[in-house]
Protein backbone atom coordinates (compact mmCIF):
# COMPACT_ATOMS: atom_id res chain seq x y z
CA MET A 1 -26.36 54.38 36.55
CA PRO A 2 -29.16 51.91 37.32
CA ASP A 3 -31.13 50.45 34.45
CA TYR A 4 -34.45 51.04 36.26
CA HIS A 5 -35.98 53.81 38.31
CA LEU A 6 -39.05 53.79 40.51
CA ALA A 7 -42.23 55.49 39.30
CA GLN A 8 -45.09 56.28 41.61
CA ILE A 9 -48.56 57.68 41.20
CA ASN A 10 -50.79 58.71 44.03
CA ILE A 11 -54.27 60.05 43.68
CA ALA A 12 -56.57 61.69 46.15
CA LYS A 13 -60.22 62.68 45.97
CA PHE A 14 -61.06 65.98 47.63
CA ARG A 15 -63.92 65.80 50.12
CA LYS A 16 -65.18 69.13 48.79
CA SER A 17 -64.70 70.97 45.52
CA ARG A 18 -61.09 71.85 44.64
CA ALA A 19 -61.78 75.55 45.15
CA HIS A 20 -63.47 75.14 48.54
CA PRO A 21 -61.86 77.31 51.26
CA ASP A 22 -61.31 74.20 53.42
CA ASN A 23 -58.61 73.13 50.93
CA ARG A 24 -56.66 76.37 51.30
CA ASP A 25 -54.05 74.86 53.67
CA PHE A 26 -53.40 72.00 51.27
CA TYR A 27 -52.74 74.35 48.35
CA ALA A 28 -50.63 76.63 50.55
CA ALA A 29 -48.38 73.70 51.52
CA ILE A 30 -48.06 71.90 48.20
CA GLU A 31 -45.49 74.25 46.67
CA SER A 32 -43.10 73.71 49.58
CA VAL A 33 -43.59 69.94 49.31
CA HIS A 34 -42.77 70.03 45.60
CA LYS A 35 -39.71 72.20 46.23
CA ALA A 36 -38.54 69.78 48.93
CA ALA A 37 -38.98 66.85 46.51
CA ASP A 38 -37.06 68.68 43.79
CA GLU A 39 -34.13 69.07 46.20
CA HIS A 40 -34.34 65.60 47.76
CA ALA A 41 -31.63 63.01 47.06
CA GLY A 42 -32.82 60.52 44.49
CA PHE A 43 -35.59 62.66 42.97
CA ILE A 44 -35.64 62.56 39.15
CA TRP A 45 -38.92 63.89 37.72
CA ARG A 46 -42.46 65.05 38.55
CA TRP A 47 -45.52 65.26 36.38
CA THR A 48 -46.82 68.82 36.57
CA GLU A 49 -50.22 70.19 37.40
CA ASP A 50 -50.26 71.85 33.97
CA ASP A 51 -51.74 68.57 32.75
CA MET A 52 -54.41 68.40 35.47
CA PRO A 53 -57.25 68.81 32.91
CA VAL A 54 -55.95 65.68 31.15
CA ALA A 55 -55.84 63.86 34.49
CA ILE A 56 -59.36 64.92 35.42
CA ARG A 57 -60.61 63.60 32.07
CA GLN A 58 -58.67 60.34 32.53
CA PHE A 59 -60.08 59.75 36.01
CA ARG A 60 -63.50 61.24 35.10
CA ASN A 61 -63.77 63.14 38.35
CA PRO A 62 -63.04 66.85 38.95
CA LYS A 63 -62.26 66.16 42.63
CA ILE A 64 -59.31 63.87 41.83
CA THR A 65 -55.80 65.27 42.20
CA ILE A 66 -52.68 63.44 41.12
CA ASN A 67 -49.01 63.29 41.95
CA MET A 68 -46.71 61.23 39.77
CA THR A 69 -42.94 61.11 40.19
CA VAL A 70 -39.86 59.09 39.28
CA TRP A 71 -37.10 58.33 41.80
CA GLU A 72 -33.71 56.65 41.67
CA SER A 73 -34.83 53.99 44.13
CA LEU A 74 -37.51 52.79 46.50
CA GLU A 75 -35.31 53.91 49.38
CA ALA A 76 -35.09 57.48 48.03
CA LEU A 77 -38.86 57.74 47.64
CA GLY A 78 -39.43 56.20 51.07
CA ALA A 79 -37.04 58.65 52.72
CA PHE A 80 -38.92 61.55 51.17
CA ALA A 81 -42.44 60.22 51.72
CA TYR A 82 -41.99 59.16 55.33
CA ARG A 83 -39.21 61.34 56.73
CA GLN A 84 -39.19 64.70 54.91
CA SER A 85 -40.82 67.23 57.27
CA ASN A 86 -42.94 69.20 54.76
CA HIS A 87 -44.34 66.02 53.25
CA LYS A 88 -44.98 64.43 56.65
CA THR A 89 -46.93 67.52 57.77
CA VAL A 90 -49.21 67.46 54.71
CA PHE A 91 -49.55 63.65 54.80
CA ALA A 92 -50.63 63.79 58.46
CA ARG A 93 -53.57 66.01 57.46
CA LYS A 94 -54.70 64.04 54.41
CA ASP A 95 -57.97 63.03 56.06
CA ASP A 96 -58.86 66.71 56.50
CA TRP A 97 -58.96 67.17 52.73
CA PHE A 98 -59.40 63.79 51.05
CA GLU A 99 -61.81 60.86 51.04
CA PRO A 100 -60.40 57.36 51.53
CA LEU A 101 -59.91 55.41 48.29
CA PRO A 102 -59.53 51.63 47.90
CA VAL A 103 -56.19 52.11 46.11
CA SER A 104 -54.49 55.48 46.03
CA VAL A 105 -50.81 54.66 45.41
CA ALA A 106 -49.08 52.46 42.85
CA LEU A 107 -45.33 51.92 42.47
CA TRP A 108 -43.62 50.34 39.47
CA TRP A 109 -40.21 50.06 37.87
CA VAL A 110 -39.53 51.95 34.65
CA PRO A 111 -36.49 51.91 32.39
CA ALA A 112 -34.12 54.75 33.33
CA GLY A 113 -35.11 57.83 31.35
CA HIS A 114 -38.80 56.84 30.96
CA ARG A 115 -41.40 59.43 32.00
CA PRO A 116 -44.77 57.77 32.65
CA SER A 117 -47.99 59.20 31.27
CA ILE A 118 -51.17 59.79 33.22
CA GLU A 119 -52.73 56.93 31.27
CA GLU A 120 -49.90 54.60 32.31
CA GLY A 121 -50.27 55.59 35.95
CA LYS A 122 -54.04 55.10 35.92
CA GLU A 123 -53.67 51.72 34.21
CA LEU A 124 -51.32 50.58 36.98
CA LEU A 125 -53.58 51.88 39.76
CA ASP A 126 -56.47 49.95 38.16
CA TYR A 127 -54.28 46.86 37.79
CA LEU A 128 -53.20 47.04 41.43
CA GLU A 129 -56.82 47.41 42.57
CA ALA A 130 -57.95 44.45 40.45
CA HIS A 131 -55.03 42.06 41.03
CA GLY A 132 -53.17 43.19 44.13
CA PRO A 133 -49.43 43.81 44.38
CA SER A 134 -47.16 42.12 41.86
CA GLU A 135 -43.97 42.83 39.95
CA ARG A 136 -46.07 44.98 37.59
CA ALA A 137 -47.51 47.33 40.26
CA PHE A 138 -46.95 47.27 43.99
CA THR A 139 -47.09 49.22 47.24
CA PHE A 140 -44.72 50.22 50.02
CA LYS A 141 -46.16 47.39 52.12
CA GLU A 142 -45.62 44.75 49.41
CA ARG A 143 -42.50 45.69 47.47
CA PHE A 144 -40.84 44.07 44.50
CA PRO A 145 -37.22 44.57 43.44
CA ALA A 146 -36.24 46.23 40.19
CA PRO A 147 -35.94 43.88 37.21
CA VAL A 148 -32.52 42.39 36.66
CA SER A 149 -30.88 43.48 33.42
CA VAL A 150 -29.25 40.78 31.34
């Protein structure tokens, strides 16, 4: 078993209120995307929407929605994010529902078994926005390998 797993957080800011009818297709599709992730090779854990009120307080914006997961590897997450059909369909329509953000995704390595908190994810998004990609927080475009255990 690897010593490190890959954590990711992605945030999106709805163009309209969460409950607006224009967001209906997004909400209708999200359950199938989550189910597909749960069944995808390399998936370990997902933060649940039960904590969305905590996330809204952390980000101080009721239009923000969050997805945070842990995967066995960067390759496993990449295969899901860019090749899984349900996810690709929703991702292709992201501009229909969400405003562009300067930084919306952060990736980082966590010790195997660690489950990141919303606060940890937000801290790493903020770090990435302020400092750019590094071993601490990075993107798919600028990747860093898992730490080497000694």
